[in-house]
PDB file of N, CA and C in Angstrom:
ATOM      1  N   MET A   1      49.255  21.116   7.358  1.00  0.00           N
ATOM      2  CA  MET A   1      50.507  21.579   7.911  1.00  0.00           C
ATOM      3  C   MET A   1      51.649  20.883   7.167  1.00  0.00           C
ATOM      4  N   VAL A   2      52.604  21.665   6.676  1.00  0.00           N
ATOM      5  CA  VAL A   2      53.761  21.142   5.960  1.00  0.00           C
ATOM      6  C   VAL A   2      54.862  20.862   6.992  1.00  0.00           C
ATOM      7  N   ARG A   3      55.308  19.620   7.032  1.00  0.00           N
ATOM      8  CA  ARG A   3      56.354  19.216   7.982  1.00  0.00           C
ATOM      9  C   ARG A   3      57.724  19.464   7.353  1.00  0.00           C
ATOM     10  N   VAL A   4      58.563  20.252   8.065  1.00  0.00           N
ATOM     11  CA  VAL A   4      59.849  20.687   7.527  1.00  0.00           C
ATOM     12  C   VAL A   4      60.981  20.313   8.477  1.00  0.00           C
ATOM     13  N   LEU A   5      62.079  19.832   7.904  1.00  0.00           N
ATOM     14  CA  LEU A   5      63.333  19.625   8.616  1.00  0.00           C
ATOM     15  C   LEU A   5      64.308  20.676   8.124  1.00  0.00           C
ATOM     16  N   VAL A   6      64.942  21.397   9.047  1.00  0.00           N
ATOM     17  CA  VAL A   6      65.906  22.445   8.701  1.00  0.00           C
ATOM     18  C   VAL A   6      67.307  21.937   9.023  1.00  0.00           C
ATOM     19  N   ALA A   7      68.208  21.978   8.021  1.00  0.00           N
ATOM     20  CA  ALA A   7      69.590  21.526   8.207  1.00  0.00           C
ATOM     21  C   ALA A   7      70.548  22.659   7.876  1.00  0.00           C
ATOM     22  N   ASP A   8      71.254  23.142   8.898  1.00  0.00           N
ATOM     23  CA  ASP A   8      72.237  24.217   8.735  1.00  0.00           C
ATOM     24  C   ASP A   8      73.193  24.120   9.908  1.00  0.00           C
ATOM     25  N   ASP A   9      74.482  24.337   9.663  1.00  0.00           N
ATOM     26  CA  ASP A   9      75.450  24.228  10.744  1.00  0.00           C
ATOM     27  C   ASP A   9      75.406  25.413  11.703  1.00  0.00           C
ATOM     28  N   ASN A  10      74.747  26.501  11.329  1.00  0.00           N
ATOM     29  CA  ASN A  10      74.661  27.694  12.163  1.00  0.00           C
ATOM     30  C   ASN A  10      73.349  27.660  12.954  1.00  0.00           C
ATOM     31  N   ALA A  11      73.480  27.579  14.280  1.00  0.00           N
ATOM     32  CA  ALA A  11      72.287  27.501  15.134  1.00  0.00           C
ATOM     33  C   ALA A  11      71.403  28.733  14.978  1.00  0.00           C
ATOM     34  N   GLY A  12      71.991  29.901  14.789  1.00  0.00           N
ATOM     35  CA  GLY A  12      71.217  31.122  14.599  1.00  0.00           C
ATOM     36  C   GLY A  12      70.397  31.079  13.323  1.00  0.00           C
ATOM     37  N   VAL A  13      70.992  30.567  12.253  1.00  0.00           N
ATOM     38  CA  VAL A  13      70.261  30.441  10.985  1.00  0.00           C
ATOM     39  C   VAL A  13      69.119  29.441  11.137  1.00  0.00           C
ATOM     40  N   ARG A  14      69.371  28.342  11.831  1.00  0.00           N
ATOM     41  CA  ARG A  14      68.294  27.360  12.064  1.00  0.00           C
ATOM     42  C   ARG A  14      67.140  28.006  12.819  1.00  0.00           C
ATOM     43  N   LYS A  15      67.462  28.791  13.852  1.00  0.00           N
ATOM     44  CA  LYS A  15      66.422  29.440  14.651  1.00  0.00           C
ATOM     45  C   LYS A  15      65.635  30.444  13.803  1.00  0.00           C
ATOM     46  N   LEU A  16      66.347  31.276  13.031  1.00  0.00           N
ATOM     47  CA  LEU A  16      65.668  32.259  12.184  1.00  0.00           C
ATOM     48  C   LEU A  16      64.810  31.587  11.117  1.00  0.00           C
ATOM     49  N   THR A  17      65.309  30.496  10.554  1.00  0.00           N
ATOM     50  CA  THR A  17      64.535  29.761   9.548  1.00  0.00           C
ATOM     51  C   THR A  17      63.284  29.174  10.185  1.00  0.00           C
ATOM     52  N   ARG A  18      63.440  28.604  11.380  1.00  0.00           N
ATOM     53  CA  ARG A  18      62.285  28.057  12.110  1.00  0.00           C
ATOM     54  C   ARG A  18      61.240  29.158  12.336  1.00  0.00           C
ATOM     55  N   LEU A  19      61.689  30.329  12.794  1.00  0.00           N
ATOM     56  CA  LEU A  19      60.762  31.428  13.054  1.00  0.00           C
ATOM     57  C   LEU A  19      60.087  31.904  11.769  1.00  0.00           C
ATOM     58  N   ALA A  20      60.875  32.025  10.691  1.00  0.00           N
ATOM     59  CA  ALA A  20      60.323  32.497   9.414  1.00  0.00           C
ATOM     60  C   ALA A  20      59.275  31.537   8.869  1.00  0.00           C
ATOM     61  N   LEU A  21      59.474  30.253   9.095  1.00  0.00           N
ATOM     62  CA  LEU A  21      58.507  29.270   8.604  1.00  0.00           C
ATOM     63  C   LEU A  21      57.312  29.137   9.546  1.00  0.00           C
ATOM     64  N   SER A  22      57.554  29.116  10.841  1.00  0.00           N
ATOM     65  CA  SER A  22      56.477  28.936  11.815  1.00  0.00           C
ATOM     66  C   SER A  22      55.547  30.137  11.864  1.00  0.00           C
ATOM     67  N   PHE A  23      56.058  31.286  11.503  1.00  0.00           N
ATOM     68  CA  PHE A  23      55.314  32.547  11.535  1.00  0.00           C
ATOM     69  C   PHE A  23      53.969  32.455  10.818  1.00  0.00           C
ATOM     70  N   THR A  24      53.921  31.736   9.722  1.00  0.00           N
ATOM     71  CA  THR A  24      52.707  31.704   8.897  1.00  0.00           C
ATOM     72  C   THR A  24      51.651  30.737   9.422  1.00  0.00           C
ATOM     73  N   GLY A  25      52.065  29.773  10.228  1.00  0.00           N
ATOM     74  CA  GLY A  25      51.132  28.758  10.689  1.00  0.00           C
ATOM     75  C   GLY A  25      50.912  27.642   9.678  1.00  0.00           C
ATOM     76  N   ARG A  26      51.547  27.734   8.523  1.00  0.00           N
ATOM     77  CA  ARG A  26      51.399  26.717   7.470  1.00  0.00           C
ATOM     78  C   ARG A  26      52.448  25.617   7.593  1.00  0.00           C
ATOM     79  N   TYR A  27      53.582  25.936   8.228  1.00  0.00           N
ATOM     80  CA  TYR A  27      54.706  25.007   8.302  1.00  0.00           C
ATOM     81  C   TYR A  27      54.989  24.642   9.751  1.00  0.00           C
ATOM     82  N   GLU A  28      55.343  23.371   9.950  1.00  0.00           N
ATOM     83  CA  GLU A  28      55.774  22.907  11.261  1.00  0.00           C
ATOM     84  C   GLU A  28      57.211  22.404  11.111  1.00  0.00           C
ATOM     85  N   VAL A  29      58.144  23.049  11.798  1.00  0.00           N
ATOM     86  CA  VAL A  29      59.531  22.577  11.777  1.00  0.00           C
ATOM     87  C   VAL A  29      59.603  21.425  12.775  1.00  0.00           C
ATOM     88  N   VAL A  30      59.771  20.217  12.231  1.00  0.00           N
ATOM     89  CA  VAL A  30      59.734  19.006  13.055  1.00  0.00           C
ATOM     90  C   VAL A  30      61.106  18.598  13.560  1.00  0.00           C
ATOM     91  N   GLY A  31      62.166  19.225  13.012  1.00  0.00           N
ATOM     92  CA  GLY A  31      63.509  18.892  13.464  1.00  0.00           C
ATOM     93  C   GLY A  31      64.534  19.824  12.884  1.00  0.00           C
ATOM     94  N   GLU A  32      65.704  19.825  13.527  1.00  0.00           N
ATOM     95  CA  GLU A  32      66.829  20.636  13.082  1.00  0.00           C
ATOM     96  C   GLU A  32      68.091  19.778  13.101  1.00  0.00           C
ATOM     97  N   ALA A  33      68.903  19.932  12.074  1.00  0.00           N
ATOM     98  CA  ALA A  33      70.153  19.189  11.961  1.00  0.00           C
ATOM     99  C   ALA A  33      71.307  20.164  11.776  1.00  0.00           C
ATOM    100  N   ALA A  34      72.464  19.838  12.350  1.00  0.00           N
ATOM    101  CA  ALA A  34      73.633  20.712  12.280  1.00  0.00           C
ATOM    102  C   ALA A  34      74.621  20.288  11.202  1.00  0.00           C
ATOM    103  N   ASP A  35      74.396  19.139  10.561  1.00  0.00           N
ATOM    104  CA  ASP A  35      75.254  18.708   9.455  1.00  0.00           C
ATOM    105  C   ASP A  35      74.478  17.738   8.571  1.00  0.00           C
ATOM    106  N   GLY A  36      75.089  17.371   7.470  1.00  0.00           N
ATOM    107  CA  GLY A  36      74.409  16.526   6.502  1.00  0.00           C
ATOM    108  C   GLY A  36      74.075  15.140   7.014  1.00  0.00           C
ATOM    109  N   ALA A  37      74.972  14.538   7.779  1.00  0.00           N
ATOM    110  CA  ALA A  37      74.711  13.194   8.303  1.00  0.00           C
ATOM    111  C   ALA A  37      73.509  13.209   9.238  1.00  0.00           C
ATOM    112  N   GLU A  38      73.447  14.224  10.083  1.00  0.00           N
ATOM    113  CA  GLU A  38      72.310  14.355  10.988  1.00  0.00           C
ATOM    114  C   GLU A  38      71.024  14.623  10.197  1.00  0.00           C
ATOM    115  N   ALA A  39      71.131  15.393   9.123  1.00  0.00           N
ATOM    116  CA  ALA A  39      69.960  15.673   8.279  1.00  0.00           C
ATOM    117  C   ALA A  39      69.416  14.383   7.674  1.00  0.00           C
ATOM    118  N   VAL A  40      70.304  13.537   7.172  1.00  0.00           N
ATOM    119  CA  VAL A  40      69.869  12.267   6.576  1.00  0.00           C
ATOM    120  C   VAL A  40      69.187  11.398   7.638  1.00  0.00           C
ATOM    121  N   ALA A  41      69.822  11.269   8.795  1.00  0.00           N
ATOM    122  CA  ALA A  41      69.270  10.428   9.863  1.00  0.00           C
ATOM    123  C   ALA A  41      67.914  10.952  10.344  1.00  0.00           C
ATOM    124  N   LEU A  42      67.822  12.263  10.572  1.00  0.00           N
ATOM    125  CA  LEU A  42      66.556  12.838  11.034  1.00  0.00           C
ATOM    126  C   LEU A  42      65.477  12.743   9.956  1.00  0.00           C
ATOM    127  N   ALA A  43      65.854  12.931   8.708  1.00  0.00           N
ATOM    128  CA  ALA A  43      64.873  12.817   7.624  1.00  0.00           C
ATOM    129  C   ALA A  43      64.281  11.409   7.596  1.00  0.00           C
ATOM    130  N   GLU A  44      65.131  10.408   7.762  1.00  0.00           N
ATOM    131  CA  GLU A  44      64.629   9.029   7.770  1.00  0.00           C
ATOM    132  C   GLU A  44      63.691   8.784   8.946  1.00  0.00           C
ATOM    133  N   THR A  45      64.026   9.349  10.093  1.00  0.00           N
ATOM    134  CA  THR A  45      63.213   9.154  11.292  1.00  0.00           C
ATOM    135  C   THR A  45      61.919   9.956  11.252  1.00  0.00           C
ATOM    136  N   LEU A  46      62.021  11.235  10.863  1.00  0.00           N
ATOM    137  CA  LEU A  46      60.883  12.151  10.955  1.00  0.00           C
ATOM    138  C   LEU A  46      59.983  12.164   9.728  1.00  0.00           C
ATOM    139  N   GLN A  47      60.504  11.708   8.583  1.00  0.00           N
ATOM    140  CA  GLN A  47      59.732  11.669   7.338  1.00  0.00           C
ATOM    141  C   GLN A  47      59.075  13.024   7.022  1.00  0.00           C
ATOM    142  N   PRO A  48      59.862  14.104   6.937  1.00  0.00           N
ATOM    143  CA  PRO A  48      59.270  15.416   6.654  1.00  0.00           C
ATOM    144  C   PRO A  48      58.788  15.505   5.204  1.00  0.00           C
ATOM    145  N   ASP A  49      57.937  16.487   4.955  1.00  0.00           N
ATOM    146  CA  ASP A  49      57.511  16.760   3.584  1.00  0.00           C
ATOM    147  C   ASP A  49      58.629  17.452   2.822  1.00  0.00           C
ATOM    148  N   VAL A  50      59.382  18.292   3.538  1.00  0.00           N
ATOM    149  CA  VAL A  50      60.439  19.113   2.934  1.00  0.00           C
ATOM    150  C   VAL A  50      61.652  19.144   3.849  1.00  0.00           C
ATOM    151  N   VAL A  51      62.834  19.062   3.242  1.00  0.00           N
ATOM    152  CA  VAL A  51      64.084  19.315   3.951  1.00  0.00           C
ATOM    153  C   VAL A  51      64.655  20.613   3.392  1.00  0.00           C
ATOM    154  N   VAL A  52      64.880  21.588   4.273  1.00  0.00           N
ATOM    155  CA  VAL A  52      65.552  22.833   3.900  1.00  0.00           C
ATOM    156  C   VAL A  52      67.018  22.608   4.244  1.00  0.00           C
ATOM    157  N   LEU A  53      67.876  22.560   3.218  1.00  0.00           N
ATOM    158  CA  LEU A  53      69.235  22.052   3.362  1.00  0.00           C
ATOM    159  C   LEU A  53      70.288  23.080   2.961  1.00  0.00           C
ATOM    160  N   ASP A  54      71.176  23.383   3.898  1.00  0.00           N
ATOM    161  CA  ASP A  54      72.344  24.215   3.607  1.00  0.00           C
ATOM    162  C   ASP A  54      73.369  23.347   2.876  1.00  0.00           C
ATOM    163  N   LEU A  55      74.193  23.970   2.058  1.00  0.00           N
ATOM    164  CA  LEU A  55      75.202  23.214   1.304  1.00  0.00           C
ATOM    165  C   LEU A  55      76.508  23.034   2.060  1.00  0.00           C
ATOM    166  N   LEU A  56      77.002  24.125   2.643  1.00  0.00           N
ATOM    167  CA  LEU A  56      78.334  24.111   3.251  1.00  0.00           C
ATOM    168  C   LEU A  56      78.239  23.890   4.752  1.00  0.00           C
ATOM    169  N   MET A  57      78.404  22.632   5.140  1.00  0.00           N
ATOM    170  CA  MET A  57      78.387  22.246   6.549  1.00  0.00           C
ATOM    171  C   MET A  57      79.588  21.347   6.798  1.00  0.00           C
ATOM    172  N   PRO A  58      80.109  21.363   8.026  1.00  0.00           N
ATOM    173  CA  PRO A  58      81.255  20.490   8.325  1.00  0.00           C
ATOM    174  C   PRO A  58      80.849  19.016   8.282  1.00  0.00           C
ATOM    175  N   GLY A  59      81.833  18.164   8.081  1.00  0.00           N
ATOM    176  CA  GLY A  59      81.528  16.735   7.999  1.00  0.00           C
ATOM    177  C   GLY A  59      80.823  16.436   6.694  1.00  0.00           C
ATOM    178  N   THR A  60      79.645  15.874   6.796  1.00  0.00           N
ATOM    179  CA  THR A  60      78.841  15.575   5.608  1.00  0.00           C
ATOM    180  C   THR A  60      78.160  16.859   5.152  1.00  0.00           C
ATOM    181  N   SER A  61      78.502  17.317   3.969  1.00  0.00           N
ATOM    182  CA  SER A  61      77.954  18.577   3.455  1.00  0.00           C
ATOM    183  C   SER A  61      76.547  18.358   2.901  1.00  0.00           C
ATOM    184  N   GLY A  62      75.888  19.460   2.595  1.00  0.00           N
ATOM    185  CA  GLY A  62      74.599  19.370   1.929  1.00  0.00           C
ATOM    186  C   GLY A  62      74.714  18.736   0.553  1.00  0.00           C
ATOM    187  N   TRP A  63      75.845  19.000  -0.123  1.00  0.00           N
ATOM    188  CA  TRP A  63      76.094  18.372  -1.433  1.00  0.00           C
ATOM    189  C   TRP A  63      76.051  16.852  -1.309  1.00  0.00           C
ATOM    190  N   ASP A  64      76.644  16.328  -0.219  1.00  0.00           N
ATOM    191  CA  ASP A  64      76.683  14.876  -0.017  1.00  0.00           C
ATOM    192  C   ASP A  64      75.349  14.341   0.494  1.00  0.00           C
ATOM    193  N   ALA A  65      74.686  15.115   1.357  1.00  0.00           N
ATOM    194  CA  ALA A  65      73.435  14.661   1.966  1.00  0.00           C
ATOM    195  C   ALA A  65      72.279  14.642   0.966  1.00  0.00           C
ATOM    196  N   LEU A  66      72.278  15.583   0.021  1.00  0.00           N
ATOM    197  CA  LEU A  66      71.169  15.703  -0.929  1.00  0.00           C
ATOM    198  C   LEU A  66      70.839  14.385  -1.638  1.00  0.00           C
ATOM    199  N   PRO A  67      71.784  13.738  -2.313  1.00  0.00           N
ATOM    200  CA  PRO A  67      71.413  12.485  -2.994  1.00  0.00           C
ATOM    201  C   PRO A  67      71.039  11.367  -2.027  1.00  0.00           C
ATOM    202  N   MET A  68      71.606  11.372  -0.819  1.00  0.00           N
ATOM    203  CA  MET A  68      71.247  10.350   0.162  1.00  0.00           C
ATOM    204  C   MET A  68      69.793  10.520   0.598  1.00  0.00           C
ATOM    205  N   ILE A  69      69.388  11.758   0.847  1.00  0.00           N
ATOM    206  CA  ILE A  69      68.001  12.014   1.238  1.00  0.00           C
ATOM    207  C   ILE A  69      67.061  11.626   0.110  1.00  0.00           C
ATOM    208  N   ARG A  70      67.389  12.030  -1.096  1.00  0.00           N
ATOM    209  CA  ARG A  70      66.519  11.730  -2.245  1.00  0.00           C
ATOM    210  C   ARG A  70      66.426  10.222  -2.502  1.00  0.00           C
ATOM    211  N   ASP A  71      67.537   9.503  -2.343  1.00  0.00           N
ATOM    212  CA  ASP A  71      67.514   8.052  -2.553  1.00  0.00           C
ATOM    213  C   ASP A  71      66.659   7.349  -1.498  1.00  0.00           C
ATOM    214  N   ARG A  72      66.789   7.788  -0.261  1.00  0.00           N
ATOM    215  CA  ARG A  72      66.100   7.113   0.844  1.00  0.00           C
ATOM    216  C   ARG A  72      64.658   7.579   1.028  1.00  0.00           C
ATOM    217  N   LEU A  73      64.374   8.819   0.630  1.00  0.00           N
ATOM    218  CA  LEU A  73      63.037   9.387   0.833  1.00  0.00           C
ATOM    219  C   LEU A  73      62.567  10.054  -0.458  1.00  0.00           C
ATOM    220  N   PRO A  74      62.216   9.286  -1.464  1.00  0.00           N
ATOM    221  CA  PRO A  74      61.893   9.866  -2.773  1.00  0.00           C
ATOM    222  C   PRO A  74      60.709  10.831  -2.771  1.00  0.00           C
ATOM    223  N   ARG A  75      59.819  10.747  -1.789  1.00  0.00           N
ATOM    224  CA  ARG A  75      58.658  11.656  -1.744  1.00  0.00           C
ATOM    225  C   ARG A  75      58.978  12.972  -1.027  1.00  0.00           C
ATOM    226  N   THR A  76      60.076  13.015  -0.290  1.00  0.00           N
ATOM    227  CA  THR A  76      60.464  14.230   0.426  1.00  0.00           C
ATOM    228  C   THR A  76      61.137  15.197  -0.541  1.00  0.00           C
ATOM    229  N   LYS A  77      60.694  16.435  -0.527  1.00  0.00           N
ATOM    230  CA  LYS A  77      61.280  17.472  -1.375  1.00  0.00           C
ATOM    231  C   LYS A  77      62.451  18.106  -0.628  1.00  0.00           C
ATOM    232  N   VAL A  78      63.510  18.430  -1.364  1.00  0.00           N
ATOM    233  CA  VAL A  78      64.669  19.095  -0.770  1.00  0.00           C
ATOM    234  C   VAL A  78      64.808  20.468  -1.407  1.00  0.00           C
ATOM    235  N   VAL A  79      64.776  21.491  -0.539  1.00  0.00           N
ATOM    236  CA  VAL A  79      64.987  22.864  -0.975  1.00  0.00           C
ATOM    237  C   VAL A  79      66.338  23.308  -0.434  1.00  0.00           C
ATOM    238  N   ILE A  80      67.224  23.669  -1.338  1.00  0.00           N
ATOM    239  CA  ILE A  80      68.547  24.158  -0.938  1.00  0.00           C
ATOM    240  C   ILE A  80      68.391  25.604  -0.476  1.00  0.00           C
ATOM    241  N   TRP A  81      68.952  25.909   0.700  1.00  0.00           N
ATOM    242  CA  TRP A  81      68.896  27.240   1.311  1.00  0.00           C
ATOM    243  C   TRP A  81      70.346  27.592   1.597  1.00  0.00           C
ATOM    244  N   SER A  82      70.986  28.238   0.627  1.00  0.00           N
ATOM    245  CA  SER A  82      72.432  28.416   0.663  1.00  0.00           C
ATOM    246  C   SER A  82      72.848  29.874   0.766  1.00  0.00           C
ATOM    247  N   ALA A  83      73.957  30.108   1.446  1.00  0.00           N
ATOM    248  CA  ALA A  83      74.509  31.463   1.555  1.00  0.00           C
ATOM    249  C   ALA A  83      75.129  31.882   0.228  1.00  0.00           C
ATOM    250  N   GLY A  84      74.996  33.149  -0.077  1.00  0.00           N
ATOM    251  CA  GLY A  84      75.657  33.702  -1.257  1.00  0.00           C
ATOM    252  C   GLY A  84      75.008  33.290  -2.559  1.00  0.00           C
ATOM    253  N   VAL A  85      75.705  33.568  -3.602  1.00  0.00           N
ATOM    254  CA  VAL A  85      75.205  33.305  -4.952  1.00  0.00           C
ATOM    255  C   VAL A  85      75.549  31.880  -5.344  1.00  0.00           C
ATOM    256  N   VAL A  86      74.579  31.179  -5.890  1.00  0.00           N
ATOM    257  CA  VAL A  86      74.808  29.828  -6.414  1.00  0.00           C
ATOM    258  C   VAL A  86      74.888  29.969  -7.925  1.00  0.00           C
ATOM    259  N   PRO A  87      76.075  29.748  -8.502  1.00  0.00           N
ATOM    260  CA  PRO A  87      76.188  29.866  -9.968  1.00  0.00           C
ATOM    261  C   PRO A  87      75.220  28.927 -10.680  1.00  0.00           C
ATOM    262  N   ALA A  88      74.818  29.318 -11.880  1.00  0.00           N
ATOM    263  CA  ALA A  88      73.855  28.524 -12.647  1.00  0.00           C
ATOM    264  C   ALA A  88      74.318  27.083 -12.822  1.00  0.00           C
ATOM    265  N   VAL A  89      75.612  26.877 -13.018  1.00  0.00           N
ATOM    266  CA  VAL A  89      76.121  25.521 -13.205  1.00  0.00           C
ATOM    267  C   VAL A  89      75.915  24.701 -11.933  1.00  0.00           C
ATOM    268  N   ASP A  90      76.104  25.332 -10.768  1.00  0.00           N
ATOM    269  CA  ASP A  90      75.863  24.620  -9.514  1.00  0.00           C
ATOM    270  C   ASP A  90      74.372  24.359  -9.315  1.00  0.00           C
ATOM    271  N   GLU A  91      73.541  25.320  -9.675  1.00  0.00           N
ATOM    272  CA  GLU A  91      72.098  25.122  -9.540  1.00  0.00           C
ATOM    273  C   GLU A  91      71.649  23.954 -10.418  1.00  0.00           C
ATOM    274  N   ASP A  92      72.159  23.882 -11.643  1.00  0.00           N
ATOM    275  CA  ASP A  92      71.824  22.761 -12.524  1.00  0.00           C
ATOM    276  C   ASP A  92      72.286  21.441 -11.923  1.00  0.00           C
ATOM    277  N   ARG A  93      73.474  21.436 -11.337  1.00  0.00           N
ATOM    278  CA  ARG A  93      74.011  20.221 -10.717  1.00  0.00           C
ATOM    279  C   ARG A  93      73.148  19.814  -9.520  1.00  0.00           C
ATOM    280  N   LEU A  94      72.730  20.797  -8.705  1.00  0.00           N
ATOM    281  CA  LEU A  94      71.880  20.504  -7.551  1.00  0.00           C
ATOM    282  C   LEU A  94      70.538  19.918  -7.978  1.00  0.00           C
ATOM    283  N   ILE A  95      69.962  20.485  -9.019  1.00  0.00           N
ATOM    284  CA  ILE A  95      68.699  19.959  -9.540  1.00  0.00           C
ATOM    285  C   ILE A  95      68.922  18.528 -10.044  1.00  0.00           C
ATOM    286  N   GLY A  96      70.047  18.292 -10.701  1.00  0.00           N
ATOM    287  CA  GLY A  96      70.386  16.949 -11.167  1.00  0.00           C
ATOM    288  C   GLY A  96      70.556  15.949 -10.034  1.00  0.00           C
ATOM    289  N   LEU A  97      71.007  16.428  -8.872  1.00  0.00           N
ATOM    290  CA  LEU A  97      71.174  15.564  -7.702  1.00  0.00           C
ATOM    291  C   LEU A  97      69.858  15.342  -6.952  1.00  0.00           C
ATOM    292  N   GLY A  98      68.822  16.085  -7.345  1.00  0.00           N
ATOM    293  CA  GLY A  98      67.520  15.859  -6.727  1.00  0.00           C
ATOM    294  C   GLY A  98      66.913  17.030  -5.978  1.00  0.00           C
ATOM    295  N   ALA A  99      67.580  18.175  -5.968  1.00  0.00           N
ATOM    296  CA  ALA A  99      66.982  19.339  -5.310  1.00  0.00           C
ATOM    297  C   ALA A  99      65.734  19.762  -6.068  1.00  0.00           C
ATOM    298  N   ALA A 100      64.695  20.118  -5.331  1.00  0.00           N
ATOM    299  CA  ALA A 100      63.463  20.586  -5.958  1.00  0.00           C
ATOM    300  C   ALA A 100      63.534  22.079  -6.249  1.00  0.00           C
ATOM    301  N   ALA A 101      64.345  22.809  -5.459  1.00  0.00           N
ATOM    302  CA  ALA A 101      64.493  24.256  -5.635  1.00  0.00           C
ATOM    303  C   ALA A 101      65.778  24.703  -4.950  1.00  0.00           C
ATOM    304  N   VAL A 102      66.272  25.853  -5.397  1.00  0.00           N
ATOM    305  CA  VAL A 102      67.468  26.446  -4.809  1.00  0.00           C
ATOM    306  C   VAL A 102      67.151  27.901  -4.490  1.00  0.00           C
ATOM    307  N   VAL A 103      67.369  28.297  -3.231  1.00  0.00           N
ATOM    308  CA  VAL A 103      67.122  29.668  -2.783  1.00  0.00           C
ATOM    309  C   VAL A 103      68.359  30.133  -2.021  1.00  0.00           C
ATOM    310  N   THR A 104      68.828  31.323  -2.319  1.00  0.00           N
ATOM    311  CA  THR A 104      69.979  31.855  -1.592  1.00  0.00           C
ATOM    312  C   THR A 104      69.507  32.618  -0.357  1.00  0.00           C
ATOM    313  N   LYS A 105      70.336  32.588   0.677  1.00  0.00           N
ATOM    314  CA  LYS A 105      69.972  33.197   1.957  1.00  0.00           C
ATOM    315  C   LYS A 105      69.947  34.719   1.908  1.00  0.00           C
ATOM    316  N   ASP A 106      70.418  35.310   0.830  1.00  0.00           N
ATOM    317  CA  ASP A 106      70.324  36.765   0.716  1.00  0.00           C
ATOM    318  C   ASP A 106      68.923  37.204   0.291  1.00  0.00           C
ATOM    319  N   ARG A 107      68.069  36.246  -0.020  1.00  0.00           N
ATOM    320  CA  ARG A 107      66.671  36.526  -0.380  1.00  0.00           C
ATOM    321  C   ARG A 107      65.834  36.601   0.902  1.00  0.00           C
ATOM    322  N   PRO A 108      64.696  37.285   0.873  1.00  0.00           N
ATOM    323  CA  PRO A 108      63.851  37.367   2.067  1.00  0.00           C
ATOM    324  C   PRO A 108      63.204  36.015   2.385  1.00  0.00           C
ATOM    325  N   PRO A 109      62.774  35.836   3.625  1.00  0.00           N
ATOM    326  CA  PRO A 109      62.150  34.562   4.016  1.00  0.00           C
ATOM    327  C   PRO A 109      60.960  34.181   3.136  1.00  0.00           C
ATOM    328  N   GLN A 110      60.278  35.174   2.583  1.00  0.00           N
ATOM    329  CA  GLN A 110      59.142  34.871   1.704  1.00  0.00           C
ATOM    330  C   GLN A 110      59.585  34.049   0.500  1.00  0.00           C
ATOM    331  N   ALA A 111      60.826  34.249   0.041  1.00  0.00           N
ATOM    332  CA  ALA A 111      61.335  33.489  -1.108  1.00  0.00           C
ATOM    333  C   ALA A 111      61.469  32.013  -0.752  1.00  0.00           C
ATOM    334  N   LEU A 112      61.908  31.729   0.467  1.00  0.00           N
ATOM    335  CA  LEU A 112      62.013  30.339   0.906  1.00  0.00           C
ATOM    336  C   LEU A 112      60.616  29.724   1.004  1.00  0.00           C
ATOM    337  N   ARG A 113      59.692  30.442   1.612  1.00  0.00           N
ATOM    338  CA  ARG A 113      58.325  29.925   1.729  1.00  0.00           C
ATOM    339  C   ARG A 113      57.705  29.706   0.342  1.00  0.00           C
ATOM    340  N   ALA A 114      57.932  30.637  -0.578  1.00  0.00           N
ATOM    341  CA  ALA A 114      57.391  30.499  -1.942  1.00  0.00           C
ATOM    342  C   ALA A 114      57.992  29.275  -2.636  1.00  0.00           C
ATOM    343  N   ALA A 115      59.289  29.040  -2.434  1.00  0.00           N
ATOM    344  CA  ALA A 115      59.934  27.865  -3.045  1.00  0.00           C
ATOM    345  C   ALA A 115      59.344  26.576  -2.491  1.00  0.00           C
ATOM    346  N   ILE A 116      59.137  26.528  -1.187  1.00  0.00           N
ATOM    347  CA  ILE A 116      58.540  25.336  -0.575  1.00  0.00           C
ATOM    348  C   ILE A 116      57.141  25.110  -1.146  1.00  0.00           C
ATOM    349  N   ASP A 117      56.353  26.171  -1.179  1.00  0.00           N
ATOM    350  CA  ASP A 117      54.993  26.037  -1.706  1.00  0.00           C
ATOM    351  C   ASP A 117      54.998  25.574  -3.165  1.00  0.00           C
ATOM    352  N   SER A 118      55.914  26.115  -3.954  1.00  0.00           N
ATOM    353  CA  SER A 118      55.924  25.755  -5.379  1.00  0.00           C
ATOM    354  C   SER A 118      56.318  24.298  -5.589  1.00  0.00           C
ATOM    355  N   VAL A 119      57.259  23.781  -4.809  1.00  0.00           N
ATOM    356  CA  VAL A 119      57.643  22.373  -5.008  1.00  0.00           C
ATOM    357  C   VAL A 119      56.550  21.426  -4.504  1.00  0.00           C
ATOM    358  N   LEU A 120      55.783  21.855  -3.524  1.00  0.00           N
ATOM    359  CA  LEU A 120      54.673  21.025  -3.051  1.00  0.00           C
ATOM    360  C   LEU A 120      53.509  21.074  -4.024  1.00  0.00           C
ATOM    361  N   ASP A 121      53.328  22.202  -4.699  1.00  0.00           N
ATOM    362  CA  ASP A 121      52.262  22.343  -5.684  1.00  0.00           C
ATOM    363  C   ASP A 121      52.508  21.492  -6.920  1.00  0.00           C
ATOM    364  N   GLU A 122      53.767  21.088  -7.154  1.00  0.00           N
ATOM    365  CA  GLU A 122      54.115  20.286  -8.335  1.00  0.00           C
ATOM    366  C   GLU A 122      53.621  18.864  -8.221  1.00  0.00           C
ATOM    367  N   GLU A 123      53.263  18.441  -7.022  1.00  0.00           N
ATOM    368  CA  GLU A 123      52.847  17.043  -6.820  1.00  0.00           C
ATOM    369  C   GLU A 123      51.544  16.731  -7.489  1.00  0.00           C
TER     370      GLU A 123
END
């Protein structure tokens, strides 16, 4: 079972992401965070295998939380799950900050699951 933390400021998106991941029986959503600071704190406490992280959140953004999670939990993979199109320059920057993968929310849930599986297969 892959332990996942979902971080998004939209409660509906968190719920849909939880359902999309739990549907397969392969993933267990162990926590949900509404902003980057909460994502960092929960990641430290819960030690998930993967953090699914939105970029644009109030307070501490995903941009800010990403390097904090990677610094504190080097074995935890971070998959960016962002609304809209992420320009190539931003995707390169996110990878440089430690993201294992970047998936836009306009893609089907299977794309998120495939990204999670691919970053775990790299180990």
